[in-house]
Amino acid sequence: MFADGDDQLAGVMDASAFLPAGVPAEWSVYFGVDDTDKASELVVELGGTVVEPAEDTPARLIDVAQQAGFTSARVAARTPFNIVLELRQ
């Protein structure tokens, strides 16, 4: 866990214990909101999709996606700190 005082900024977790064998590593981005359920409704209202409904963990989480119209995505470059994606419509 990376924090600034009491504010949690980032975390890293080994998910191999609950993911099926062969699932590759990935990064997820989380945004803090005051009301997760209201944010979920707003995502749908603005044309996004709720991939996984809200669930209670140490924080209340939802998994959402927005259709951006991309037909393909690939990793174009990788450094220890960045991944550059090439997106095509």
N, C-alpha and C. Protein backbone atom coordinates (compact mmCIF):
# COMPACT_ATOMS: atom_id res chain seq x y z
N MET A 1 0.84 -1.17 0.00
CA MET A 1 0.00 0.00 0.00
C MET A 1 0.89 1.23 0.00
N PHE A 2 0.54 2.19 -0.84
CA PHE A 2 1.23 3.47 -0.88
C PHE A 2 0.24 4.52 -0.38
N ALA A 3 0.68 5.36 0.56
CA ALA A 3 -0.23 6.32 1.16
C ALA A 3 0.45 7.65 1.38
N ASP A 4 -0.39 8.67 1.51
CA ASP A 4 0.03 10.01 1.89
C ASP A 4 -0.73 10.32 3.17
N GLY A 5 -0.10 10.05 4.31
CA GLY A 5 -0.83 10.15 5.57
C GLY A 5 -1.89 9.07 5.62
N ASP A 6 -3.15 9.46 5.84
CA ASP A 6 -4.25 8.49 5.88
C ASP A 6 -4.87 8.25 4.50
N ASP A 7 -4.44 8.99 3.48
CA ASP A 7 -5.00 8.84 2.13
C ASP A 7 -4.28 7.72 1.38
N GLN A 8 -5.04 6.68 1.01
CA GLN A 8 -4.48 5.59 0.23
C GLN A 8 -4.34 6.04 -1.22
N LEU A 9 -3.15 5.90 -1.79
CA LEU A 9 -2.88 6.36 -3.15
C LEU A 9 -2.77 5.21 -4.15
N ALA A 10 -2.22 4.10 -3.74
CA ALA A 10 -2.02 2.96 -4.65
C ALA A 10 -1.73 1.72 -3.83
N GLY A 11 -1.93 0.59 -4.47
CA GLY A 11 -1.64 -0.67 -3.80
C GLY A 11 -1.25 -1.72 -4.82
N VAL A 12 -0.56 -2.73 -4.35
CA VAL A 12 -0.15 -3.85 -5.19
C VAL A 12 -0.56 -5.12 -4.46
N MET A 13 -1.09 -6.08 -5.22
CA MET A 13 -1.59 -7.29 -4.59
C MET A 13 -1.25 -8.49 -5.46
N ASP A 14 -0.93 -9.60 -4.83
CA ASP A 14 -0.71 -10.86 -5.53
C ASP A 14 -2.06 -11.57 -5.62
N ALA A 15 -2.66 -11.60 -6.81
CA ALA A 15 -3.98 -12.21 -7.00
C ALA A 15 -3.90 -13.66 -7.45
N SER A 16 -2.72 -14.23 -7.49
CA SER A 16 -2.56 -15.59 -8.01
C SER A 16 -3.33 -16.63 -7.18
N ALA A 17 -3.63 -16.33 -5.93
CA ALA A 17 -4.33 -17.29 -5.08
C ALA A 17 -5.80 -17.47 -5.49
N PHE A 18 -6.40 -16.49 -6.14
CA PHE A 18 -7.81 -16.62 -6.50
C PHE A 18 -8.10 -16.50 -8.00
N LEU A 19 -7.09 -16.28 -8.82
CA LEU A 19 -7.28 -16.25 -10.27
C LEU A 19 -6.92 -17.61 -10.87
N PRO A 20 -7.60 -17.99 -11.95
CA PRO A 20 -7.25 -19.27 -12.59
C PRO A 20 -5.81 -19.26 -13.10
N ALA A 21 -5.21 -20.43 -13.17
CA ALA A 21 -3.85 -20.56 -13.69
C ALA A 21 -3.78 -20.01 -15.11
N GLY A 22 -2.71 -19.31 -15.43
CA GLY A 22 -2.51 -18.79 -16.77
C GLY A 22 -3.07 -17.40 -17.01
N VAL A 23 -3.81 -16.85 -16.05
CA VAL A 23 -4.32 -15.48 -16.23
C VAL A 23 -3.13 -14.54 -16.08
N PRO A 24 -2.90 -13.67 -17.08
CA PRO A 24 -1.73 -12.79 -17.02
C PRO A 24 -1.91 -11.68 -15.98
N ALA A 25 -0.80 -11.13 -15.56
CA ALA A 25 -0.83 -10.00 -14.63
C ALA A 25 -1.48 -8.80 -15.31
N GLU A 26 -2.10 -7.93 -14.52
CA GLU A 26 -2.72 -6.74 -15.08
C GLU A 26 -2.69 -5.62 -14.04
N TRP A 27 -2.91 -4.42 -14.53
CA TRP A 27 -3.03 -3.24 -13.67
C TRP A 27 -4.48 -2.78 -13.73
N SER A 28 -5.00 -2.34 -12.63
CA SER A 28 -6.34 -1.77 -12.58
C SER A 28 -6.22 -0.37 -12.00
N VAL A 29 -7.07 0.52 -12.48
CA VAL A 29 -7.09 1.90 -11.99
C VAL A 29 -8.39 2.10 -11.23
N TYR A 30 -8.31 2.70 -10.08
CA TYR A 30 -9.48 2.97 -9.26
C TYR A 30 -9.62 4.47 -9.06
N PHE A 31 -10.85 4.95 -9.10
CA PHE A 31 -11.13 6.35 -8.83
C PHE A 31 -12.03 6.43 -7.61
N GLY A 32 -11.71 7.31 -6.69
CA GLY A 32 -12.53 7.48 -5.50
C GLY A 32 -13.73 8.37 -5.79
N VAL A 33 -14.88 7.98 -5.29
CA VAL A 33 -16.10 8.78 -5.41
C VAL A 33 -16.79 8.81 -4.06
N ASP A 34 -17.63 9.81 -3.86
CA ASP A 34 -18.34 9.92 -2.59
C ASP A 34 -19.45 8.88 -2.45
N ASP A 35 -20.09 8.51 -3.58
CA ASP A 35 -21.23 7.59 -3.55
C ASP A 35 -21.10 6.61 -4.71
N THR A 36 -20.64 5.40 -4.43
CA THR A 36 -20.40 4.40 -5.47
C THR A 36 -21.66 4.05 -6.23
N ASP A 37 -22.78 3.91 -5.52
CA ASP A 37 -24.03 3.53 -6.19
C ASP A 37 -24.51 4.64 -7.13
N LYS A 38 -24.39 5.89 -6.71
CA LYS A 38 -24.76 7.02 -7.57
C LYS A 38 -23.82 7.09 -8.78
N ALA A 39 -22.52 6.83 -8.56
CA ALA A 39 -21.57 6.83 -9.67
C ALA A 39 -21.92 5.75 -10.68
N SER A 40 -22.37 4.59 -10.19
CA SER A 40 -22.78 3.50 -11.07
C SER A 40 -23.94 3.93 -11.96
N GLU A 41 -24.92 4.59 -11.38
CA GLU A 41 -26.07 5.09 -12.15
C GLU A 41 -25.62 6.12 -13.19
N LEU A 42 -24.69 6.99 -12.81
CA LEU A 42 -24.21 8.02 -13.72
C LEU A 42 -23.44 7.42 -14.89
N VAL A 43 -22.66 6.37 -14.64
CA VAL A 43 -21.93 5.70 -15.72
C VAL A 43 -22.91 5.23 -16.79
N VAL A 44 -23.99 4.59 -16.37
CA VAL A 44 -25.00 4.09 -17.31
C VAL A 44 -25.69 5.25 -18.02
N GLU A 45 -26.04 6.28 -17.26
CA GLU A 45 -26.70 7.47 -17.84
C GLU A 45 -25.85 8.11 -18.93
N LEU A 46 -24.53 8.08 -18.77
CA LEU A 46 -23.62 8.70 -19.74
C LEU A 46 -23.16 7.74 -20.83
N GLY A 47 -23.75 6.54 -20.89
CA GLY A 47 -23.45 5.62 -21.98
C GLY A 47 -22.44 4.54 -21.68
N GLY A 48 -21.98 4.47 -20.45
CA GLY A 48 -21.04 3.42 -20.07
C GLY A 48 -21.76 2.15 -19.67
N THR A 49 -21.01 1.15 -19.26
CA THR A 49 -21.55 -0.14 -18.89
C THR A 49 -21.04 -0.54 -17.51
N VAL A 50 -21.90 -1.05 -16.68
CA VAL A 50 -21.49 -1.63 -15.41
C VAL A 50 -21.14 -3.08 -15.69
N VAL A 51 -19.86 -3.41 -15.63
CA VAL A 51 -19.37 -4.75 -15.92
C VAL A 51 -19.64 -5.68 -14.74
N GLU A 52 -19.36 -5.22 -13.54
CA GLU A 52 -19.63 -5.96 -12.31
C GLU A 52 -20.33 -4.99 -11.36
N PRO A 53 -21.47 -5.37 -10.79
CA PRO A 53 -22.18 -4.45 -9.89
C PRO A 53 -21.38 -4.17 -8.62
N ALA A 54 -21.83 -3.17 -7.88
CA ALA A 54 -21.14 -2.76 -6.66
C ALA A 54 -21.03 -3.92 -5.68
N GLU A 55 -19.87 -4.02 -5.05
CA GLU A 55 -19.66 -5.03 -4.02
C GLU A 55 -18.87 -4.41 -2.88
N ASP A 56 -19.12 -4.93 -1.71
CA ASP A 56 -18.41 -4.43 -0.53
C ASP A 56 -17.14 -5.23 -0.31
N THR A 57 -16.02 -4.52 -0.33
CA THR A 57 -14.71 -5.05 0.01
C THR A 57 -14.24 -4.10 1.12
N PRO A 58 -12.97 -3.98 1.39
CA PRO A 58 -12.62 -2.89 2.32
C PRO A 58 -13.13 -1.53 1.82
N ALA A 59 -13.37 -1.43 0.51
CA ALA A 59 -14.03 -0.26 -0.07
C ALA A 59 -15.19 -0.78 -0.91
N ARG A 60 -16.15 0.07 -1.25
CA ARG A 60 -17.26 -0.36 -2.11
C ARG A 60 -16.82 -0.14 -3.55
N LEU A 61 -16.79 -1.21 -4.36
CA LEU A 61 -16.23 -1.16 -5.71
C LEU A 61 -17.27 -1.53 -6.76
N ILE A 62 -17.15 -0.91 -7.93
CA ILE A 62 -17.88 -1.34 -9.13
C ILE A 62 -16.87 -1.40 -10.26
N ASP A 63 -17.12 -2.25 -11.23
CA ASP A 63 -16.27 -2.37 -12.41
C ASP A 63 -17.08 -1.82 -13.57
N VAL A 64 -16.58 -0.76 -14.19
CA VAL A 64 -17.31 -0.11 -15.28
C VAL A 64 -16.43 0.00 -16.52
N ALA A 65 -17.07 0.20 -17.66
CA ALA A 65 -16.35 0.37 -18.92
C ALA A 65 -17.12 1.34 -19.79
N GLN A 66 -16.41 2.02 -20.65
CA GLN A 66 -17.03 2.91 -21.61
C GLN A 66 -16.61 2.46 -23.00
N GLN A 67 -17.57 2.30 -23.89
CA GLN A 67 -17.26 1.93 -25.27
C GLN A 67 -16.63 3.13 -25.95
N ALA A 68 -15.42 2.98 -26.38
CA ALA A 68 -14.71 4.09 -27.01
C ALA A 68 -14.63 3.95 -28.52
N GLY A 69 -15.12 2.84 -29.05
CA GLY A 69 -15.12 2.67 -30.49
C GLY A 69 -13.83 2.10 -31.05
N PHE A 70 -12.94 1.60 -30.21
CA PHE A 70 -11.69 1.04 -30.70
C PHE A 70 -11.93 -0.38 -31.20
N THR A 71 -11.33 -0.70 -32.33
CA THR A 71 -11.47 -2.05 -32.87
C THR A 71 -10.29 -2.93 -32.49
N SER A 72 -9.18 -2.33 -32.08
CA SER A 72 -8.04 -3.12 -31.63
C SER A 72 -7.17 -2.30 -30.70
N ALA A 73 -6.46 -3.01 -29.85
CA ALA A 73 -5.51 -2.37 -28.95
C ALA A 73 -4.32 -3.30 -28.81
N ARG A 74 -3.13 -2.74 -28.78
CA ARG A 74 -1.94 -3.56 -28.57
C ARG A 74 -0.92 -2.76 -27.78
N VAL A 75 -0.05 -3.46 -27.09
CA VAL A 75 1.04 -2.80 -26.38
C VAL A 75 2.09 -2.40 -27.41
N ALA A 76 2.34 -1.10 -27.53
CA ALA A 76 3.31 -0.60 -28.50
C ALA A 76 4.71 -0.48 -27.91
N ALA A 77 4.80 -0.22 -26.61
CA ALA A 77 6.09 -0.09 -25.95
C ALA A 77 5.89 -0.32 -24.46
N ARG A 78 6.96 -0.74 -23.80
CA ARG A 78 6.87 -1.00 -22.36
C ARG A 78 8.19 -0.59 -21.71
N THR A 79 8.08 0.11 -20.60
CA THR A 79 9.24 0.45 -19.78
C THR A 79 8.92 -0.03 -18.37
N PRO A 80 9.86 0.06 -17.45
CA PRO A 80 9.53 -0.36 -16.08
C PRO A 80 8.38 0.45 -15.46
N PHE A 81 8.10 1.64 -16.00
CA PHE A 81 7.10 2.50 -15.37
C PHE A 81 5.90 2.81 -16.26
N ASN A 82 5.94 2.47 -17.53
CA ASN A 82 4.87 2.85 -18.45
C ASN A 82 4.58 1.74 -19.45
N ILE A 83 3.35 1.71 -19.89
CA ILE A 83 2.96 0.88 -21.03
C ILE A 83 2.29 1.83 -22.02
N VAL A 84 2.75 1.82 -23.24
CA VAL A 84 2.17 2.65 -24.29
C VAL A 84 1.28 1.77 -25.14
N LEU A 85 0.01 2.12 -25.25
CA LEU A 85 -0.93 1.35 -26.06
C LEU A 85 -1.17 2.04 -27.38
N GLU A 86 -1.31 1.23 -28.41
CA GLU A 86 -1.73 1.74 -29.72
C GLU A 86 -3.19 1.31 -29.90
N LEU A 87 -4.07 2.28 -30.06
CA LEU A 87 -5.50 2.03 -30.20
C LEU A 87 -5.93 2.43 -31.60
N ARG A 88 -6.71 1.59 -32.25
CA ARG A 88 -7.18 1.87 -33.60
C ARG A 88 -8.69 1.79 -33.68
N GLN A 89 -9.25 2.71 -34.46
CA GLN A 89 -10.69 2.69 -34.70
C GLN A 89 -10.97 2.10 -36.04
